[in-house]
PDB file of N, CA and C in Angstrom:
ATOM      1  N   MET A   1      -4.747  67.206 122.659  1.00  0.00           N
ATOM      2  CA  MET A   1      -5.077  66.905 121.317  1.00  0.00           C
ATOM      3  C   MET A   1      -4.484  68.032 120.384  1.00  0.00           C
ATOM      4  N   ARG A   2      -3.987  67.571 119.275  1.00  0.00           N
ATOM      5  CA  ARG A   2      -3.363  68.528 118.397  1.00  0.00           C
ATOM      6  C   ARG A   2      -4.339  69.130 117.481  1.00  0.00           C
ATOM      7  N   THR A   3      -4.270  70.421 117.091  1.00  0.00           N
ATOM      8  CA  THR A   3      -5.018  71.114 116.254  1.00  0.00           C
ATOM      9  C   THR A   3      -4.731  70.773 114.801  1.00  0.00           C
ATOM     10  N   SER A   4      -5.681  70.458 113.994  1.00  0.00           N
ATOM     11  CA  SER A   4      -5.389  70.084 112.570  1.00  0.00           C
ATOM     12  C   SER A   4      -5.126  71.318 111.815  1.00  0.00           C
ATOM     13  N   TYR A   5      -4.442  71.096 110.691  1.00  0.00           N
ATOM     14  CA  TYR A   5      -4.135  72.119 109.644  1.00  0.00           C
ATOM     15  C   TYR A   5      -5.396  72.876 109.244  1.00  0.00           C
ATOM     16  N   ARG A   6      -6.476  72.143 108.978  1.00  0.00           N
ATOM     17  CA  ARG A   6      -7.629  72.643 108.436  1.00  0.00           C
ATOM     18  C   ARG A   6      -8.269  73.521 109.509  1.00  0.00           C
ATOM     19  N   GLN A   7      -8.301  73.175 110.799  1.00  0.00           N
ATOM     20  CA  GLN A   7      -8.815  74.046 111.923  1.00  0.00           C
ATOM     21  C   GLN A   7      -7.973  75.263 111.990  1.00  0.00           C
ATOM     22  N   LEU A   8      -6.669  75.143 111.898  1.00  0.00           N
ATOM     23  CA  LEU A   8      -5.889  76.358 111.982  1.00  0.00           C
ATOM     24  C   LEU A   8      -6.125  77.276 110.798  1.00  0.00           C
ATOM     25  N   ALA A   9      -6.319  76.772 109.561  1.00  0.00           N
ATOM     26  CA  ALA A   9      -6.639  77.557 108.409  1.00  0.00           C
ATOM     27  C   ALA A   9      -7.942  78.249 108.604  1.00  0.00           C
ATOM     28  N   GLU A  10      -8.919  77.608 109.092  1.00  0.00           N
ATOM     29  CA  GLU A  10     -10.259  78.176 109.321  1.00  0.00           C
ATOM     30  C   GLU A  10     -10.156  79.311 110.377  1.00  0.00           C
ATOM     31  N   ARG A  11      -9.500  79.035 111.400  1.00  0.00           N
ATOM     32  CA  ARG A  11      -9.246  80.075 112.487  1.00  0.00           C
ATOM     33  C   ARG A  11      -8.581  81.304 111.926  1.00  0.00           C
ATOM     34  N   HIS A  12      -7.505  81.057 111.095  1.00  0.00           N
ATOM     35  CA  HIS A  12      -6.816  82.134 110.462  1.00  0.00           C
ATOM     36  C   HIS A  12      -7.693  82.987 109.646  1.00  0.00           C
ATOM     37  N   GLN A  13      -8.590  82.294 108.806  1.00  0.00           N
ATOM     38  CA  GLN A  13      -9.462  82.911 107.856  1.00  0.00           C
ATOM     39  C   GLN A  13     -10.495  83.779 108.691  1.00  0.00           C
ATOM     40  N   ARG A  14     -10.929  83.265 109.837  1.00  0.00           N
ATOM     41  CA  ARG A  14     -11.805  84.046 110.570  1.00  0.00           C
ATOM     42  C   ARG A  14     -11.280  85.317 111.317  1.00  0.00           C
ATOM     43  N   CYS A  15     -10.059  84.993 111.825  1.00  0.00           N
ATOM     44  CA  CYS A  15      -9.388  86.084 112.660  1.00  0.00           C
ATOM     45  C   CYS A  15      -8.502  87.045 111.850  1.00  0.00           C
ATOM     46  N   GLY A  16      -8.143  86.574 110.531  1.00  0.00           N
ATOM     47  CA  GLY A  16      -7.212  87.488 109.758  1.00  0.00           C
ATOM     48  C   GLY A  16      -7.748  88.849 109.597  1.00  0.00           C
ATOM     49  N   PRO A  17      -8.971  89.133 109.168  1.00  0.00           N
ATOM     50  CA  PRO A  17      -9.495  90.526 108.991  1.00  0.00           C
ATOM     51  C   PRO A  17      -9.428  91.246 110.348  1.00  0.00           C
ATOM     52  N   GLN A  18      -9.815  90.599 111.400  1.00  0.00           N
ATOM     53  CA  GLN A  18      -9.766  91.281 112.764  1.00  0.00           C
ATOM     54  C   GLN A  18      -8.400  91.757 113.062  1.00  0.00           C
ATOM     55  N   ILE A  19      -7.502  90.802 112.831  1.00  0.00           N
ATOM     56  CA  ILE A  19      -6.063  91.111 113.098  1.00  0.00           C
ATOM     57  C   ILE A  19      -5.559  92.299 112.326  1.00  0.00           C
ATOM     58  N   GLU A  20      -5.867  92.307 111.034  1.00  0.00           N
ATOM     59  CA  GLU A  20      -5.472  93.345 110.139  1.00  0.00           C
ATOM     60  C   GLU A  20      -6.088  94.691 110.656  1.00  0.00           C
ATOM     61  N   ASN A  21      -7.375  94.739 110.997  1.00  0.00           N
ATOM     62  CA  ASN A  21      -7.972  95.872 111.580  1.00  0.00           C
ATOM     63  C   ASN A  21      -7.299  96.382 112.847  1.00  0.00           C
ATOM     64  N   LEU A  22      -6.828  95.456 113.720  1.00  0.00           N
ATOM     65  CA  LEU A  22      -6.216  95.842 114.918  1.00  0.00           C
ATOM     66  C   LEU A  22      -4.869  96.472 114.651  1.00  0.00           C
ATOM     67  N   ILE A  23      -4.105  95.889 113.690  1.00  0.00           N
ATOM     68  CA  ILE A  23      -2.827  96.345 113.268  1.00  0.00           C
ATOM     69  C   ILE A  23      -2.986  97.820 112.627  1.00  0.00           C
ATOM     70  N   GLY A  24      -4.016  97.950 111.863  1.00  0.00           N
ATOM     71  CA  GLY A  24      -4.273  99.277 111.284  1.00  0.00           C
ATOM     72  C   GLY A  24      -4.524 100.362 112.412  1.00  0.00           C
ATOM     73  N   GLU A  25      -5.380  99.985 113.406  1.00  0.00           N
ATOM     74  CA  GLU A  25      -5.740 100.818 114.551  1.00  0.00           C
ATOM     75  C   GLU A  25      -4.424 101.265 115.281  1.00  0.00           C
ATOM     76  N   ARG A  26      -3.579 100.169 115.526  1.00  0.00           N
ATOM     77  CA  ARG A  26      -2.457 100.418 116.270  1.00  0.00           C
ATOM     78  C   ARG A  26      -1.481 101.387 115.525  1.00  0.00           C
ATOM     79  N   ASP A  27      -1.319 101.264 114.186  1.00  0.00           N
ATOM     80  CA  ASP A  27      -0.497 102.037 113.492  1.00  0.00           C
ATOM     81  C   ASP A  27      -0.896 103.472 113.483  1.00  0.00           C
ATOM     82  N   THR A  28      -2.304 103.646 113.316  1.00  0.00           N
ATOM     83  CA  THR A  28      -2.833 104.937 113.321  1.00  0.00           C
ATOM     84  C   THR A  28      -2.625 105.638 114.742  1.00  0.00           C
ATOM     85  N   ALA A  29      -2.795 104.938 115.767  1.00  0.00           N
ATOM     86  CA  ALA A  29      -2.571 105.411 117.149  1.00  0.00           C
ATOM     87  C   ALA A  29      -1.118 105.815 117.273  1.00  0.00           C
ATOM     88  N   LYS A  30      -0.195 105.074 116.734  1.00  0.00           N
ATOM     89  CA  LYS A  30       1.216 105.399 116.887  1.00  0.00           C
ATOM     90  C   LYS A  30       1.602 106.641 116.115  1.00  0.00           C
ATOM     91  N   ARG A  31       0.979 106.853 114.919  1.00  0.00           N
ATOM     92  CA  ARG A  31       1.130 108.076 114.203  1.00  0.00           C
ATOM     93  C   ARG A  31       0.541 109.226 114.884  1.00  0.00           C
ATOM     94  N   ASN A  32      -0.612 109.072 115.454  1.00  0.00           N
ATOM     95  CA  ASN A  32      -1.265 110.174 116.221  1.00  0.00           C
ATOM     96  C   ASN A  32      -0.489 110.594 117.358  1.00  0.00           C
ATOM     97  N   ALA A  33       0.075 109.625 118.035  1.00  0.00           N
ATOM     98  CA  ALA A  33       0.838 109.897 119.308  1.00  0.00           C
ATOM     99  C   ALA A  33       2.152 110.609 118.879  1.00  0.00           C
ATOM    100  N   SER A  34       2.745 110.204 117.871  1.00  0.00           N
ATOM    101  CA  SER A  34       3.945 110.856 117.281  1.00  0.00           C
ATOM    102  C   SER A  34       3.664 112.354 116.935  1.00  0.00           C
ATOM    103  N   ASP A  35       2.589 112.589 116.240  1.00  0.00           N
ATOM    104  CA  ASP A  35       2.188 113.952 115.837  1.00  0.00           C
ATOM    105  C   ASP A  35       1.909 114.745 117.124  1.00  0.00           C
ATOM    106  N   LEU A  36       1.256 114.218 118.029  1.00  0.00           N
ATOM    107  CA  LEU A  36       0.933 114.902 119.291  1.00  0.00           C
ATOM    108  C   LEU A  36       2.189 115.295 120.093  1.00  0.00           C
ATOM    109  N   ALA A  37       3.175 114.317 120.021  1.00  0.00           N
ATOM    110  CA  ALA A  37       4.419 114.623 120.795  1.00  0.00           C
ATOM    111  C   ALA A  37       5.188 115.767 120.097  1.00  0.00           C
ATOM    112  N   TRP A  38       5.100 115.708 118.771  1.00  0.00           N
ATOM    113  CA  TRP A  38       5.826 116.831 118.092  1.00  0.00           C
ATOM    114  C   TRP A  38       5.228 118.197 118.406  1.00  0.00           C
ATOM    115  N   ALA A  39       3.849 118.205 118.370  1.00  0.00           N
ATOM    116  CA  ALA A  39       3.121 119.445 118.676  1.00  0.00           C
ATOM    117  C   ALA A  39       3.351 119.963 120.067  1.00  0.00           C
ATOM    118  N   LEU A  40       3.454 118.990 120.935  1.00  0.00           N
ATOM    119  CA  LEU A  40       3.757 119.370 122.386  1.00  0.00           C
ATOM    120  C   LEU A  40       5.151 119.951 122.548  1.00  0.00           C
ATOM    121  N   GLU A  41       6.062 119.373 121.795  1.00  0.00           N
ATOM    122  CA  GLU A  41       7.516 119.942 121.822  1.00  0.00           C
ATOM    123  C   GLU A  41       7.534 121.376 121.310  1.00  0.00           C
ATOM    124  N   GLN A  42       6.723 121.578 120.198  1.00  0.00           N
ATOM    125  CA  GLN A  42       6.606 122.900 119.683  1.00  0.00           C
ATOM    126  C   GLN A  42       6.076 123.947 120.571  1.00  0.00           C
ATOM    127  N   VAL A  43       5.007 123.489 121.257  1.00  0.00           N
ATOM    128  CA  VAL A  43       4.333 124.403 122.316  1.00  0.00           C
ATOM    129  C   VAL A  43       5.320 124.634 123.471  1.00  0.00           C
ATOM    130  N   ALA A  44       5.949 123.604 123.948  1.00  0.00           N
ATOM    131  CA  ALA A  44       6.891 123.822 125.098  1.00  0.00           C
ATOM    132  C   ALA A  44       8.055 124.734 124.717  1.00  0.00           C
ATOM    133  N   GLY A  45       8.516 124.566 123.445  1.00  0.00           N
ATOM    134  CA  GLY A  45       9.626 125.518 123.028  1.00  0.00           C
ATOM    135  C   GLY A  45       9.175 126.906 123.021  1.00  0.00           C
ATOM    136  N   GLU A  46       7.984 127.120 122.475  1.00  0.00           N
ATOM    137  CA  GLU A  46       7.505 128.537 122.321  1.00  0.00           C
ATOM    138  C   GLU A  46       7.096 129.090 123.685  1.00  0.00           C
ATOM    139  N   LEU A  47       6.615 128.293 124.539  1.00  0.00           N
ATOM    140  CA  LEU A  47       6.431 128.777 125.908  1.00  0.00           C
ATOM    141  C   LEU A  47       7.640 129.165 126.655  1.00  0.00           C
ATOM    142  N   SER A  48       8.713 128.261 126.445  1.00  0.00           N
ATOM    143  CA  SER A  48      10.029 128.568 127.060  1.00  0.00           C
ATOM    144  C   SER A  48      10.636 129.902 126.577  1.00  0.00           C
ATOM    145  N   ARG A  49      10.611 130.096 125.153  1.00  0.00           N
ATOM    146  CA  ARG A  49      11.031 131.292 124.665  1.00  0.00           C
ATOM    147  C   ARG A  49      10.339 132.480 125.168  1.00  0.00           C
ATOM    148  N   ALA A  50       8.989 132.424 125.257  1.00  0.00           N
ATOM    149  CA  ALA A  50       8.123 133.449 125.757  1.00  0.00           C
ATOM    150  C   ALA A  50       8.465 133.862 127.157  1.00  0.00           C
ATOM    151  N   LYS A  51       8.671 132.851 127.985  1.00  0.00           N
ATOM    152  CA  LYS A  51       9.040 133.146 129.402  1.00  0.00           C
ATOM    153  C   LYS A  51      10.370 133.818 129.492  1.00  0.00           C
ATOM    154  N   ASP A  52      11.292 133.488 128.703  1.00  0.00           N
ATOM    155  CA  ASP A  52      12.600 133.999 128.732  1.00  0.00           C
ATOM    156  C   ASP A  52      12.553 135.492 128.328  1.00  0.00           C
ATOM    157  N   VAL A  53      11.834 135.776 127.260  1.00  0.00           N
ATOM    158  CA  VAL A  53      11.707 137.143 126.761  1.00  0.00           C
ATOM    159  C   VAL A  53      10.982 137.921 127.862  1.00  0.00           C
ATOM    160  N   ILE A  54       9.837 137.511 128.333  1.00  0.00           N
ATOM    161  CA  ILE A  54       9.118 138.248 129.358  1.00  0.00           C
ATOM    162  C   ILE A  54       9.927 138.513 130.599  1.00  0.00           C
ATOM    163  N   ALA A  55      10.682 137.512 131.067  1.00  0.00           N
ATOM    164  CA  ALA A  55      11.490 137.713 132.279  1.00  0.00           C
ATOM    165  C   ALA A  55      12.636 138.750 132.006  1.00  0.00           C
ATOM    166  N   SER A  56      13.316 138.667 130.829  1.00  0.00           N
ATOM    167  CA  SER A  56      14.299 139.714 130.581  1.00  0.00           C
ATOM    168  C   SER A  56      13.699 141.092 130.477  1.00  0.00           C
ATOM    169  N   HIS A  57      12.575 141.240 129.911  1.00  0.00           N
ATOM    170  CA  HIS A  57      11.883 142.592 129.873  1.00  0.00           C
ATOM    171  C   HIS A  57      11.507 143.043 131.284  1.00  0.00           C
ATOM    172  N   LEU A  58      11.040 142.252 132.141  1.00  0.00           N
ATOM    173  CA  LEU A  58      10.642 142.549 133.518  1.00  0.00           C
ATOM    174  C   LEU A  58      11.875 143.026 134.246  1.00  0.00           C
ATOM    175  N   VAL A  59      13.073 142.267 134.101  1.00  0.00           N
ATOM    176  CA  VAL A  59      14.265 142.623 134.771  1.00  0.00           C
ATOM    177  C   VAL A  59      14.798 144.000 134.199  1.00  0.00           C
ATOM    178  N   ALA A  60      14.666 144.169 132.860  1.00  0.00           N
ATOM    179  CA  ALA A  60      15.158 145.447 132.275  1.00  0.00           C
ATOM    180  C   ALA A  60      14.241 146.565 132.752  1.00  0.00           C
ATOM    181  N   ALA A  61      12.991 146.393 132.869  1.00  0.00           N
ATOM    182  CA  ALA A  61      12.056 147.401 133.299  1.00  0.00           C
ATOM    183  C   ALA A  61      12.327 147.952 134.611  1.00  0.00           C
ATOM    184  N   GLY A  62      12.937 147.082 135.518  1.00  0.00           N
ATOM    185  CA  GLY A  62      13.208 147.473 136.840  1.00  0.00           C
ATOM    186  C   GLY A  62      14.570 148.192 137.023  1.00  0.00           C
ATOM    187  N   HIS A  63      15.362 148.199 135.933  1.00  0.00           N
ATOM    188  CA  HIS A  63      16.664 148.733 135.966  1.00  0.00           C
ATOM    189  C   HIS A  63      16.627 150.250 135.712  1.00  0.00           C
ATOM    190  N   PRO A  64      17.258 151.081 136.482  1.00  0.00           N
ATOM    191  CA  PRO A  64      17.155 152.514 136.384  1.00  0.00           C
ATOM    192  C   PRO A  64      17.592 153.139 135.022  1.00  0.00           C
ATOM    193  N   SER A  65      18.455 152.383 134.346  1.00  0.00           N
ATOM    194  CA  SER A  65      19.036 153.021 133.145  1.00  0.00           C
ATOM    195  C   SER A  65      18.120 152.574 131.932  1.00  0.00           C
ATOM    196  N   THR A  66      17.050 151.906 132.082  1.00  0.00           N
ATOM    197  CA  THR A  66      16.220 151.441 131.063  1.00  0.00           C
ATOM    198  C   THR A  66      15.539 152.591 130.470  1.00  0.00           C
ATOM    199  N   VAL A  67      15.380 152.602 129.123  1.00  0.00           N
ATOM    200  CA  VAL A  67      14.683 153.697 128.434  1.00  0.00           C
ATOM    201  C   VAL A  67      13.216 153.506 128.322  1.00  0.00           C
ATOM    202  N   LEU A  68      12.709 152.428 128.686  1.00  0.00           N
ATOM    203  CA  LEU A  68      11.348 152.066 128.680  1.00  0.00           C
ATOM    204  C   LEU A  68      10.617 152.778 129.873  1.00  0.00           C
ATOM    205  N   HIS A  69      10.265 154.042 129.729  1.00  0.00           N
ATOM    206  CA  HIS A  69       9.688 154.780 130.760  1.00  0.00           C
ATOM    207  C   HIS A  69       8.194 154.741 130.865  1.00  0.00           C
ATOM    208  N   ASP A  70       7.510 154.536 129.685  1.00  0.00           N
ATOM    209  CA  ASP A  70       6.078 154.510 129.734  1.00  0.00           C
ATOM    210  C   ASP A  70       5.549 153.131 129.278  1.00  0.00           C
ATOM    211  N   VAL A  71       4.332 152.898 129.613  1.00  0.00           N
ATOM    212  CA  VAL A  71       3.740 151.568 129.368  1.00  0.00           C
ATOM    213  C   VAL A  71       3.647 151.153 127.937  1.00  0.00           C
ATOM    214  N   ARG A  72       3.362 152.121 127.024  1.00  0.00           N
ATOM    215  CA  ARG A  72       3.254 151.805 125.685  1.00  0.00           C
ATOM    216  C   ARG A  72       4.599 151.408 125.040  1.00  0.00           C
ATOM    217  N   THR A  73       5.652 152.030 125.471  1.00  0.00           N
ATOM    218  CA  THR A  73       6.927 151.761 125.027  1.00  0.00           C
ATOM    219  C   THR A  73       7.237 150.236 125.466  1.00  0.00           C
ATOM    220  N   PHE A  74       7.044 150.039 126.703  1.00  0.00           N
ATOM    221  CA  PHE A  74       7.283 148.631 127.162  1.00  0.00           C
ATOM    222  C   PHE A  74       6.428 147.545 126.364  1.00  0.00           C
ATOM    223  N   ARG A  75       5.179 147.910 126.214  1.00  0.00           N
ATOM    224  CA  ARG A  75       4.373 146.972 125.513  1.00  0.00           C
ATOM    225  C   ARG A  75       4.848 146.719 124.100  1.00  0.00           C
ATOM    226  N   ASP A  76       5.211 147.737 123.387  1.00  0.00           N
ATOM    227  CA  ASP A  76       5.727 147.576 121.980  1.00  0.00           C
ATOM    228  C   ASP A  76       7.018 146.878 122.041  1.00  0.00           C
ATOM    229  N   ALA A  77       7.934 147.164 122.877  1.00  0.00           N
ATOM    230  CA  ALA A  77       9.163 146.490 122.877  1.00  0.00           C
ATOM    231  C   ALA A  77       9.072 145.045 123.232  1.00  0.00           C
ATOM    232  N   LEU A  78       8.142 144.688 124.259  1.00  0.00           N
ATOM    233  CA  LEU A  78       7.890 143.363 124.542  1.00  0.00           C
ATOM    234  C   LEU A  78       7.265 142.617 123.392  1.00  0.00           C
ATOM    235  N   THR A  79       6.329 143.188 122.746  1.00  0.00           N
ATOM    236  CA  THR A  79       5.607 142.556 121.565  1.00  0.00           C
ATOM    237  C   THR A  79       6.674 142.279 120.532  1.00  0.00           C
ATOM    238  N   GLN A  80       7.518 143.275 120.231  1.00  0.00           N
ATOM    239  CA  GLN A  80       8.554 143.030 119.134  1.00  0.00           C
ATOM    240  C   GLN A  80       9.568 141.982 119.509  1.00  0.00           C
ATOM    241  N   ALA A  81       9.960 141.925 120.809  1.00  0.00           N
ATOM    242  CA  ALA A  81      10.865 140.943 121.259  1.00  0.00           C
ATOM    243  C   ALA A  81      10.258 139.560 121.247  1.00  0.00           C
ATOM    244  N   LEU A  82       8.978 139.444 121.431  1.00  0.00           N
ATOM    245  CA  LEU A  82       8.314 138.131 121.396  1.00  0.00           C
ATOM    246  C   LEU A  82       8.206 137.685 119.903  1.00  0.00           C
ATOM    247  N   THR A  83       7.859 138.593 119.004  1.00  0.00           N
ATOM    248  CA  THR A  83       7.777 138.340 117.719  1.00  0.00           C
ATOM    249  C   THR A  83       9.210 137.887 117.087  1.00  0.00           C
ATOM    250  N   ASP A  84      10.276 138.574 117.481  1.00  0.00           N
ATOM    251  CA  ASP A  84      11.555 138.191 117.036  1.00  0.00           C
ATOM    252  C   ASP A  84      12.027 136.869 117.575  1.00  0.00           C
ATOM    253  N   ALA A  85      11.431 136.480 118.753  1.00  0.00           N
ATOM    254  CA  ALA A  85      11.763 135.072 119.259  1.00  0.00           C
ATOM    255  C   ALA A  85      10.917 133.960 118.735  1.00  0.00           C
ATOM    256  N   GLY A  86      10.012 134.357 117.786  1.00  0.00           N
ATOM    257  CA  GLY A  86       9.192 133.329 117.160  1.00  0.00           C
ATOM    258  C   GLY A  86       7.943 133.035 117.855  1.00  0.00           C
ATOM    259  N   VAL A  87       7.545 133.983 118.832  1.00  0.00           N
ATOM    260  CA  VAL A  87       6.294 133.651 119.611  1.00  0.00           C
ATOM    261  C   VAL A  87       5.208 134.535 119.059  1.00  0.00           C
ATOM    262  N   ASP A  88       4.202 133.937 118.559  1.00  0.00           N
ATOM    263  CA  ASP A  88       3.056 134.607 117.972  1.00  0.00           C
ATOM    264  C   ASP A  88       1.974 134.796 118.975  1.00  0.00           C
ATOM    265  N   ILE A  89       1.711 136.055 119.309  1.00  0.00           N
ATOM    266  CA  ILE A  89       0.687 136.299 120.430  1.00  0.00           C
ATOM    267  C   ILE A  89      -0.436 137.095 119.850  1.00  0.00           C
ATOM    268  N   ARG A  90      -0.642 137.130 118.480  1.00  0.00           N
ATOM    269  CA  ARG A  90      -1.668 137.838 117.845  1.00  0.00           C
ATOM    270  C   ARG A  90      -3.103 137.396 118.267  1.00  0.00           C
ATOM    271  N   LEU A  91      -3.323 136.065 118.302  1.00  0.00           N
ATOM    272  CA  LEU A  91      -4.555 135.583 118.755  1.00  0.00           C
ATOM    273  C   LEU A  91      -4.897 135.901 120.178  1.00  0.00           C
ATOM    274  N   GLU A  92      -3.890 135.831 121.091  1.00  0.00           N
ATOM    275  CA  GLU A  92      -4.165 136.088 122.430  1.00  0.00           C
ATOM    276  C   GLU A  92      -4.494 137.561 122.535  1.00  0.00           C
ATOM    277  N   LEU A  93      -3.732 138.495 121.995  1.00  0.00           N
ATOM    278  CA  LEU A  93      -3.989 139.870 122.008  1.00  0.00           C
ATOM    279  C   LEU A  93      -5.378 140.231 121.429  1.00  0.00           C
ATOM    280  N   ALA A  94      -5.713 139.683 120.302  1.00  0.00           N
ATOM    281  CA  ALA A  94      -7.103 139.890 119.766  1.00  0.00           C
ATOM    282  C   ALA A  94      -8.174 139.402 120.715  1.00  0.00           C
ATOM    283  N   ARG A  95      -7.962 138.296 121.359  1.00  0.00           N
ATOM    284  CA  ARG A  95      -9.058 137.887 122.288  1.00  0.00           C
ATOM    285  C   ARG A  95      -9.104 138.747 123.438  1.00  0.00           C
ATOM    286  N   LEU A  96      -8.041 139.283 123.946  1.00  0.00           N
ATOM    287  CA  LEU A  96      -8.083 140.121 125.151  1.00  0.00           C
ATOM    288  C   LEU A  96      -8.622 141.501 124.788  1.00  0.00           C
ATOM    289  N   GLU A  97      -8.481 141.872 123.482  1.00  0.00           N
ATOM    290  CA  GLU A  97      -8.979 143.124 123.079  1.00  0.00           C
ATOM    291  C   GLU A  97     -10.398 143.103 122.603  1.00  0.00           C
ATOM    292  N   GLY A  98     -11.079 141.933 122.872  1.00  0.00           N
ATOM    293  CA  GLY A  98     -12.513 141.776 122.538  1.00  0.00           C
ATOM    294  C   GLY A  98     -12.940 141.180 121.201  1.00  0.00           C
ATOM    295  N   ALA A  99     -11.977 140.692 120.449  1.00  0.00           N
ATOM    296  CA  ALA A  99     -12.338 140.138 119.109  1.00  0.00           C
ATOM    297  C   ALA A  99     -12.967 138.802 119.347  1.00  0.00           C
ATOM    298  N   GLU A 100     -13.995 138.511 118.602  1.00  0.00           N
ATOM    299  CA  GLU A 100     -14.595 137.161 118.716  1.00  0.00           C
ATOM    300  C   GLU A 100     -13.885 136.228 117.712  1.00  0.00           C
ATOM    301  N   LEU A 101     -13.174 135.277 118.205  1.00  0.00           N
ATOM    302  CA  LEU A 101     -12.420 134.428 117.350  1.00  0.00           C
ATOM    303  C   LEU A 101     -13.163 133.074 117.224  1.00  0.00           C
TER     304      LEU A 101
END
């Protein structure tokens, strides 16, 4: 049996707001997923840069011609290199030094 135009119009009127709600929820979820993907890309980039800087400093510290003879000099040089690479470790340092964040 064929559905009449009136029945279709009534069904559309009943389901229309629900469909609009679902479309809105889907669009919000897509935006949230896109924002999260961007944030993860930023974190992955920063982590990769940090690993590169740390690895290069560890290799340099093991080389006999390195001028980083004491721990403080090594710490300061590593902190500066991380800052120059765009890696912000102030929160982590403050947490490790006992600050309540």
